[in-house]
């Protein structure tokens, strides 16, 4: 009989083969396709860093995101040449690394490797994962460092956590959700189990230092030229319209998990349904909306792929609005179930490491509505963690493997 370790490596090899086939197919179909959306200005900025490959360049450039992405692609271009295909090959390499990191993370929690592979397939077959796996976007490298940070924290590798968390923040400011989630977890750990691990706290705190230095250099949270180019109005107002948007479209991208719950685990709870309905009514006054910068700088009239798909199917504005409200209700109901389960665990003085996944999702919902722009693609940063959180809570998979 095969040992558990042999079975693990067998399924890991299967996942590697799936990843290679998936990315090879994308390469064949899309490697030489026309530039898409943000690729145009990303490539222009990479060229800027390529031609002036010094730390001095970080002081100002026409983007709102930190410089690590541009440095990484500029370095790759110096080695392999500044051709679009070459730059996209780096995206493929980063995607492969991210897929393997994601497998390592989910395997910590899911003993059934078939379940593991199926949930990972659901994640990478997301239309946006297809795009960010090959095109020259900042998303996949951010996801890679976020996953690295979470794995490192779970395994107690605090130097690696510092690297993952700080590198994620040096790629996208939105990655602040990782240290925030970790701080939240540490506070709960102290309140519930009276544990205070200074190494964890120091590691999370230090991971903020590199991006804070950049904020000091920029005299703000973005480079001056980037702020002038992209941000219509710089505010920190919380947009309930954006909150509605992320809640509504998040449930669309995890429909398989929701259907499994409905058909296998559903228990009618009138209280949960009424609460979800009440929140749906409140958020209906803050409908899905497009950001000002999107309207001014592009001809896009939707907030992403799923929204575009729905608008093409449902031409009547009232019907579309009702469909979006249905998804919002399902999302709110789902989140109430998750929250109820985690609160129950906390009351029982149980603090599973899987809680980190849900805290990442909560931090995402707190941080992203503060942004100047809303877009479905930003969900890719947190969907892997959100999906694992749902999967664990619904007990579709086996229990968490061993004592973490």
Protein backbone atom coordinates (compact mmCIF):
# COMPACT_ATOMS: atom_id res chain seq x y z
CA UNK A 1 0.00 0.00 0.00
CA UNK A 2 1.07 3.55 -0.72
CA UNK A 3 2.04 5.67 2.26
CA UNK A 4 0.32 9.02 2.82
CA UNK A 5 3.50 10.78 1.71
CA UNK A 6 3.64 8.77 -1.52
CA UNK A 7 -0.02 9.59 -2.22
CA UNK A 8 0.68 13.27 -1.57
CA UNK A 9 3.59 13.37 -4.03
CA UNK A 10 1.53 11.43 -6.58
CA UNK A 11 -1.26 14.02 -6.45
CA UNK A 12 1.26 16.85 -6.39
CA UNK A 13 2.73 15.46 -9.60
CA UNK A 14 -0.76 15.33 -11.08
CA UNK A 15 -1.25 18.99 -10.15
CA UNK A 16 2.09 19.92 -11.69
CA UNK A 17 1.04 18.19 -14.92
CA UNK A 18 -2.32 19.99 -14.87
CA UNK A 19 -0.53 23.30 -14.32
CA UNK A 20 1.88 22.66 -17.18
CA UNK A 21 -0.91 21.64 -19.58
CA UNK A 22 -3.05 24.61 -18.55
CA UNK A 23 -0.24 27.13 -18.98
CA UNK A 24 1.00 25.51 -22.19
CA UNK A 25 -2.47 25.85 -23.69
CA UNK A 26 -2.61 29.51 -22.64
CA UNK A 27 0.82 30.07 -24.16
CA UNK A 28 -0.20 28.54 -27.49
CA UNK A 29 -3.45 30.50 -27.66
CA UNK A 30 -2.50 33.87 -26.16
CA UNK A 31 1.27 34.46 -26.04
CA UNK A 32 1.23 36.48 -29.28
CA UNK A 33 -2.19 38.12 -28.90
CA UNK A 34 -2.66 41.93 -28.98
CA UNK A 35 -1.98 43.90 -25.82
CA UNK A 36 -4.83 43.85 -23.30
CA UNK A 37 -6.06 46.69 -21.08
CA UNK A 38 -3.41 47.54 -18.44
CA UNK A 39 -0.63 45.84 -20.37
CA UNK A 40 -0.06 49.00 -22.43
CA UNK A 41 0.83 51.30 -19.52
CA UNK A 42 2.48 48.47 -17.52
CA UNK A 43 4.88 47.79 -20.39
CA UNK A 44 5.62 51.51 -20.77
CA UNK A 45 6.53 51.72 -17.07
CA UNK A 46 8.60 48.52 -17.23
CA UNK A 47 10.51 50.14 -20.11
CA UNK A 48 11.07 53.19 -17.89
CA UNK A 49 12.59 50.98 -15.18
CA UNK A 50 14.49 48.96 -17.78
CA UNK A 51 16.19 52.08 -19.15
CA UNK A 52 16.87 53.51 -15.69
CA UNK A 53 17.45 50.43 -13.55
CA UNK A 54 18.29 52.27 -10.33
CA UNK A 55 16.64 52.81 -6.97
CA UNK A 56 16.35 56.47 -7.87
CA UNK A 57 13.55 55.53 -10.27
CA UNK A 58 11.22 54.61 -7.41
CA UNK A 59 10.87 58.27 -6.41
CA UNK A 60 8.42 58.97 -9.19
CA UNK A 61 6.83 57.12 -12.10
CA UNK A 62 3.35 57.27 -13.73
CA UNK A 63 1.69 54.43 -11.77
CA UNK A 64 -0.16 54.12 -8.48
CA UNK A 65 1.28 50.70 -7.58
CA UNK A 66 4.64 50.09 -5.83
CA UNK A 67 7.77 49.35 -7.90
CA UNK A 68 8.58 45.66 -7.29
CA UNK A 69 6.53 44.42 -10.27
CA UNK A 70 8.22 46.88 -12.64
CA UNK A 71 11.70 46.08 -11.31
CA UNK A 72 11.11 42.33 -11.65
CA UNK A 73 9.93 42.56 -15.25
CA UNK A 74 12.65 45.09 -16.13
CA UNK A 75 15.32 42.72 -14.79
CA UNK A 76 13.82 39.83 -16.76
CA UNK A 77 13.84 42.03 -19.89
CA UNK A 78 17.52 42.87 -19.36
CA UNK A 79 18.33 39.15 -19.32
CA UNK A 80 15.98 37.80 -21.99
CA UNK A 81 15.21 40.86 -24.11
CA UNK A 82 12.46 43.47 -24.14
CA UNK A 83 9.90 41.71 -26.32
CA UNK A 84 6.23 41.35 -25.39
CA UNK A 85 6.44 37.57 -25.70
CA UNK A 86 9.43 37.50 -23.35
CA UNK A 87 7.61 39.57 -20.75
CA UNK A 88 4.56 37.33 -20.99
CA UNK A 89 6.77 34.30 -20.47
CA UNK A 90 7.68 35.74 -17.06
CA UNK A 91 3.96 35.96 -16.29
CA UNK A 92 3.68 32.26 -17.17
CA UNK A 93 6.61 31.42 -14.85
CA UNK A 94 5.04 33.41 -11.98
CA UNK A 95 1.68 31.73 -12.60
CA UNK A 96 3.28 28.27 -12.40
CA UNK A 97 5.00 29.18 -9.13
CA UNK A 98 1.74 30.56 -7.75
CA UNK A 99 -0.21 27.42 -8.67
CA UNK A 100 2.31 25.24 -6.84
CA UNK A 101 2.29 27.54 -3.81
CA UNK A 102 -1.51 27.39 -3.79
CA UNK A 103 -1.39 23.59 -3.88
CA UNK A 104 1.02 23.56 -0.95
CA UNK A 105 -1.30 25.84 1.05
CA UNK A 106 -4.52 23.93 0.38
CA UNK A 107 -2.82 20.58 1.03
CA UNK A 108 -2.12 21.66 4.60
CA UNK A 109 -5.86 21.72 5.23
CA UNK A 110 -7.37 19.23 2.78
CA UNK A 111 -6.42 15.57 3.14
CA UNK A 112 -8.60 14.40 0.26
CA UNK A 113 -6.34 15.21 -2.69
CA UNK A 114 -9.13 14.81 -5.24
CA UNK A 115 -11.11 17.49 -3.43
CA UNK A 116 -7.94 19.55 -3.27
CA UNK A 117 -7.36 19.43 -7.02
CA UNK A 118 -11.03 20.14 -7.80
CA UNK A 119 -11.15 23.28 -5.68
CA UNK A 120 -7.86 24.49 -7.17
CA UNK A 121 -9.27 23.93 -10.67
CA UNK A 122 -12.26 26.06 -9.74
CA UNK A 123 -9.87 28.84 -8.74
CA UNK A 124 -7.56 28.80 -11.76
CA UNK A 125 -10.41 28.40 -14.28
CA UNK A 126 -11.77 31.75 -13.12
CA UNK A 127 -11.69 33.92 -16.29
CA UNK A 128 -9.49 36.47 -14.55
CA UNK A 129 -6.97 33.84 -13.50
CA UNK A 130 -6.68 32.91 -17.15
CA UNK A 131 -5.79 36.50 -18.02
CA UNK A 132 -3.40 37.21 -15.15
CA UNK A 133 -1.59 33.91 -15.83
CA UNK A 134 -0.21 35.17 -19.12
CA UNK A 135 -0.74 38.89 -19.54
CA UNK A 136 1.55 41.50 -18.01
CA UNK A 137 -0.46 42.42 -14.92
CA UNK A 138 0.49 42.99 -11.29
CA UNK A 139 -2.08 40.57 -9.88
CA UNK A 140 -0.42 37.13 -10.07
CA UNK A 141 2.86 38.13 -8.47
CA UNK A 142 0.88 39.74 -5.64
CA UNK A 143 -1.10 36.53 -5.12
CA UNK A 144 2.12 34.51 -5.08
CA UNK A 145 3.64 36.61 -2.29
CA UNK A 146 0.35 36.58 -0.33
CA UNK A 147 0.24 32.77 -0.47
CA UNK A 148 3.92 32.59 0.49
CA UNK A 149 3.18 34.84 3.45
CA UNK A 150 0.22 32.75 4.65
CA UNK A 151 2.09 29.44 4.32
CA UNK A 152 5.08 30.89 6.17
CA UNK A 153 2.92 32.18 9.02
CA UNK A 154 1.11 28.86 9.40
CA UNK A 155 4.41 26.96 9.48
CA UNK A 156 6.07 29.43 11.84
CA UNK A 157 8.68 30.60 9.31
CA UNK A 158 8.70 34.24 10.33
CA UNK A 159 11.54 35.43 8.11
CA UNK A 160 9.77 33.95 5.09
CA UNK A 161 6.54 35.57 6.28
CA UNK A 162 8.30 38.93 6.42
CA UNK A 163 9.55 38.40 2.86
CA UNK A 164 6.16 37.32 1.53
CA UNK A 165 4.17 40.05 3.26
CA UNK A 166 6.58 42.89 2.50
CA UNK A 167 7.06 41.80 -1.14
CA UNK A 168 3.28 41.61 -1.62
CA UNK A 169 2.96 45.16 -0.27
CA UNK A 170 5.78 46.33 -2.54
CA UNK A 171 3.73 45.02 -5.47
CA UNK A 172 0.23 46.22 -4.52
CA UNK A 173 -0.80 48.41 -1.58
CA UNK A 174 -4.01 46.36 -1.32
CA UNK A 175 -1.89 43.50 0.05
CA UNK A 176 -2.17 45.30 3.40
CA UNK A 177 -4.95 42.77 3.98
CA UNK A 178 -2.30 40.17 4.90
CA UNK A 179 -0.62 41.91 7.87
CA UNK A 180 -4.04 43.23 8.97
CA UNK A 181 -5.46 39.69 8.94
CA UNK A 182 -2.44 38.42 10.87
CA UNK A 183 -2.72 41.19 13.46
CA UNK A 184 -6.43 40.33 13.86
CA UNK A 185 -5.57 36.66 14.31
CA UNK A 186 -2.89 37.45 16.90
CA UNK A 187 -5.32 39.63 18.86
CA UNK A 188 -7.88 36.81 18.88
CA UNK A 189 -5.15 34.35 19.88
CA UNK A 190 -4.24 36.57 22.83
CA UNK A 191 -7.85 37.14 23.91
CA UNK A 192 -8.91 33.50 23.59
CA UNK A 193 -5.84 31.47 24.40
CA UNK A 194 -3.81 34.08 26.32
CA UNK A 195 -0.89 33.54 23.96
CA UNK A 196 1.38 36.37 22.91
CA UNK A 197 4.01 35.40 20.37
CA UNK A 198 6.33 38.38 19.94
CA UNK A 199 8.06 36.82 16.91
CA UNK A 200 4.76 36.70 15.01
CA UNK A 201 3.88 40.25 15.98
CA UNK A 202 7.32 41.66 15.18
CA UNK A 203 7.45 39.85 11.83
CA UNK A 204 4.04 41.24 10.82
CA UNK A 205 5.00 44.73 12.00
CA UNK A 206 8.34 44.75 10.18
CA UNK A 207 6.68 43.67 6.94
CA UNK A 208 5.00 47.09 6.87
CA UNK A 209 8.32 48.93 7.04
CA UNK A 210 9.37 48.81 3.33
CA UNK A 211 6.07 50.21 2.05
CA UNK A 212 6.03 52.86 4.80
CA UNK A 213 9.49 53.99 3.63
CA UNK A 214 8.08 54.33 0.11
CA UNK A 215 5.15 56.36 1.42
CA UNK A 216 7.68 58.70 3.02
CA UNK A 217 9.67 58.98 -0.23
CA UNK A 218 6.47 59.66 -2.23
CA UNK A 219 4.98 61.94 0.44
CA UNK A 220 1.80 59.91 -0.01
CA UNK A 221 0.58 56.40 -0.71
CA UNK A 222 1.36 56.58 -4.45
CA UNK A 223 4.07 58.11 -6.65
CA UNK A 224 3.26 61.78 -7.43
CA UNK A 225 2.99 61.25 -11.21
CA UNK A 226 0.81 58.20 -10.70
CA UNK A 227 -1.56 60.08 -8.44
CA UNK A 228 -1.83 62.87 -10.97
CA UNK A 229 -2.46 60.43 -13.82
CA UNK A 230 -4.89 57.95 -12.28
CA UNK A 231 -6.67 59.23 -9.22
CA UNK A 232 -9.65 61.47 -9.95
CA UNK A 233 -10.20 62.44 -6.33
CA UNK A 234 -8.06 61.29 -3.43
CA UNK A 235 -10.35 60.43 -0.52
CA UNK A 236 -10.64 57.71 2.07
CA UNK A 237 -14.43 57.59 1.99
CA UNK A 238 -15.87 54.11 2.39
CA UNK A 239 -17.98 53.30 -0.67
CA UNK A 240 -20.93 51.02 0.10
CA UNK A 241 -21.46 50.75 -3.65
CA UNK A 242 -18.04 49.10 -3.93
CA UNK A 243 -18.83 46.85 -0.96
CA UNK A 244 -22.02 45.78 -2.73
CA UNK A 245 -20.03 45.13 -5.91
CA UNK A 246 -17.44 42.86 -4.30
CA UNK A 247 -20.02 40.93 -2.30
CA UNK A 248 -22.26 40.48 -5.35
CA UNK A 249 -19.59 39.23 -7.74
CA UNK A 250 -17.63 37.18 -5.21
CA UNK A 251 -20.49 34.68 -4.98
CA UNK A 252 -20.59 34.28 -8.77
CA UNK A 253 -16.99 33.07 -8.79
CA UNK A 254 -17.57 30.45 -6.07
CA UNK A 255 -20.91 29.15 -7.40
CA UNK A 256 -19.69 25.49 -7.41
CA UNK A 257 -19.05 25.62 -3.66
CA UNK A 258 -22.39 27.30 -3.01
CA UNK A 259 -24.25 24.67 -5.04
CA UNK A 260 -22.51 21.86 -3.17
CA UNK A 261 -23.66 23.39 0.10
CA UNK A 262 -27.23 23.86 -1.13
CA UNK A 263 -27.54 20.28 -2.35
CA UNK A 264 -25.62 18.50 0.40
CA UNK A 265 -25.54 20.58 3.55
CA UNK A 266 -28.39 23.06 3.36
CA UNK A 267 -30.42 23.59 6.52
CA UNK A 268 -33.21 26.13 6.41
CA UNK A 269 -32.60 28.84 9.00
CA UNK A 270 -35.21 31.58 8.82
CA UNK A 271 -33.20 33.89 11.08
CA UNK A 272 -30.14 33.80 8.80
CA UNK A 273 -32.28 34.34 5.72
CA UNK A 274 -34.15 37.30 7.23
CA UNK A 275 -30.90 38.95 8.36
CA UNK A 276 -29.38 38.47 4.90
CA UNK A 277 -32.54 39.87 3.34
CA UNK A 278 -32.43 42.93 5.62
CA UNK A 279 -28.80 43.68 4.67
CA UNK A 280 -29.68 43.15 1.01
CA UNK A 281 -32.41 45.76 1.26
CA UNK A 282 -30.01 48.23 2.92
CA UNK A 283 -27.26 47.68 0.31
CA UNK A 284 -29.80 47.92 -2.51
CA UNK A 285 -29.64 51.67 -1.93
CA UNK A 286 -25.94 51.43 -2.87
CA UNK A 287 -26.08 49.51 -6.17
CA UNK A 288 -23.19 48.10 -8.18
CA UNK A 289 -21.49 51.11 -9.73
CA UNK A 290 -18.53 52.00 -11.91
CA UNK A 291 -15.75 54.18 -10.54
CA UNK A 292 -15.20 57.69 -11.90
CA UNK A 293 -11.69 56.91 -13.09
CA UNK A 294 -13.02 53.99 -15.14
CA UNK A 295 -15.66 56.17 -16.76
CA UNK A 296 -13.22 59.00 -17.50
CA UNK A 297 -10.27 56.99 -18.78
CA UNK A 298 -11.90 54.05 -20.54
CA UNK A 299 -15.04 53.28 -22.49
CA UNK A 300 -15.92 50.48 -20.06
CA UNK A 301 -19.49 50.59 -18.76
CA UNK A 302 -19.23 47.60 -16.42
CA UNK A 303 -17.10 46.55 -13.45
CA UNK A 304 -15.73 43.42 -15.06
CA UNK A 305 -16.29 40.15 -16.90
CA UNK A 306 -19.30 38.79 -14.97
CA UNK A 307 -21.03 42.17 -14.98
CA UNK A 308 -20.50 42.49 -18.73
CA UNK A 309 -21.81 38.94 -19.26
CA UNK A 310 -24.96 39.65 -17.25
CA UNK A 311 -25.64 42.96 -19.00
CA UNK A 312 -25.45 41.21 -22.37
CA UNK A 313 -27.95 38.56 -21.26
CA UNK A 314 -30.36 40.80 -19.34
CA UNK A 315 -30.95 43.92 -21.41
CA UNK A 316 -33.76 45.17 -19.20
CA UNK A 317 -32.29 47.35 -16.44
CA UNK A 318 -34.87 46.26 -13.84
CA UNK A 319 -34.29 42.55 -14.47
CA UNK A 320 -30.51 43.04 -14.30
CA UNK A 321 -30.88 44.91 -11.02
CA UNK A 322 -33.00 42.09 -9.56
CA UNK A 323 -30.49 39.45 -10.68
CA UNK A 324 -27.65 41.38 -9.04
CA UNK A 325 -29.70 41.70 -5.84
CA UNK A 326 -30.27 37.94 -5.85
CA UNK A 327 -26.50 37.37 -6.00
CA UNK A 328 -26.00 39.97 -3.26
CA UNK A 329 -28.51 38.15 -1.06
CA UNK A 330 -26.79 34.80 -1.65
CA UNK A 331 -23.44 36.36 -0.83
CA UNK A 332 -24.68 37.96 2.38
CA UNK A 333 -26.39 34.74 3.41
CA UNK A 334 -23.22 32.77 2.72
CA UNK A 335 -21.12 35.21 4.72
CA UNK A 336 -23.52 35.01 7.65
CA UNK A 337 -23.12 31.22 7.68
CA UNK A 338 -19.33 31.55 7.64
CA UNK A 339 -19.31 34.21 10.33
CA UNK A 340 -21.66 32.19 12.52
CA UNK A 341 -19.41 29.14 12.29
CA UNK A 342 -16.24 31.08 13.15
CA UNK A 343 -17.94 32.86 16.06
CA UNK A 344 -19.05 29.45 17.31
CA UNK A 345 -15.47 28.19 17.14
CA UNK A 346 -14.19 31.24 19.00
CA UNK A 347 -16.82 30.78 21.73
CA UNK A 348 -15.55 27.22 22.11
CA UNK A 349 -12.07 28.71 22.49
CA UNK A 350 -10.96 27.05 19.28
CA UNK A 351 -8.66 29.01 16.99
CA UNK A 352 -7.98 27.10 13.79
CA UNK A 353 -5.37 28.44 11.38
CA UNK A 354 -8.07 28.34 8.67
CA UNK A 355 -9.56 31.40 10.35
CA UNK A 356 -6.78 33.39 8.67
CA UNK A 357 -8.52 32.78 5.33
CA UNK A 358 -11.74 34.35 6.56
CA UNK A 359 -9.91 37.25 8.19
CA UNK A 360 -8.24 37.96 4.83
CA UNK A 361 -11.69 38.12 3.25
CA UNK A 362 -13.03 40.46 5.95
CA UNK A 363 -9.98 42.73 5.63
CA UNK A 364 -10.50 42.78 1.86
CA UNK A 365 -14.10 43.95 2.33
CA UNK A 366 -12.92 46.68 4.70
CA UNK A 367 -9.98 47.93 2.61
CA UNK A 368 -11.17 47.71 -0.99
CA UNK A 369 -14.21 50.04 -0.67
CA UNK A 370 -11.72 52.75 0.32
CA UNK A 371 -10.09 52.56 -3.12
CA UNK A 372 -10.60 55.07 -5.92
CA UNK A 373 -11.48 52.26 -8.33
CA UNK A 374 -13.63 49.13 -8.26
CA UNK A 375 -13.05 46.12 -10.48
CA UNK A 376 -13.98 42.42 -10.36
CA UNK A 377 -10.37 41.47 -11.13
CA UNK A 378 -9.29 42.66 -7.70
CA UNK A 379 -11.21 39.71 -6.23
CA UNK A 380 -8.52 37.37 -7.58
CA UNK A 381 -6.25 38.54 -4.76
CA UNK A 382 -8.51 37.02 -2.12
CA UNK A 383 -10.65 34.40 -3.89
CA UNK A 384 -8.20 31.51 -3.23
CA UNK A 385 -8.38 32.20 0.52
CA UNK A 386 -12.14 32.85 0.48
CA UNK A 387 -12.74 29.60 -1.41
CA UNK A 388 -10.68 27.60 1.09
CA UNK A 389 -12.54 29.26 3.97
CA UNK A 390 -15.90 28.27 2.49
CA UNK A 391 -14.72 24.76 1.75
CA UNK A 392 -13.48 24.20 5.28
CA UNK A 393 -16.52 25.65 7.01
CA UNK A 394 -18.98 23.66 4.92
CA UNK A 395 -17.02 20.51 5.75
CA UNK A 396 -17.01 19.40 2.13
CA UNK A 397 -13.44 18.34 2.73
CA UNK A 398 -12.00 16.36 5.61
CA UNK A 399 -11.08 18.06 8.88
CA UNK A 400 -7.94 20.14 9.14
CA UNK A 401 -4.95 17.85 8.96
CA UNK A 402 -3.36 17.30 12.30
CA UNK A 403 -2.25 19.89 14.80
CA UNK A 404 -0.99 22.95 12.89
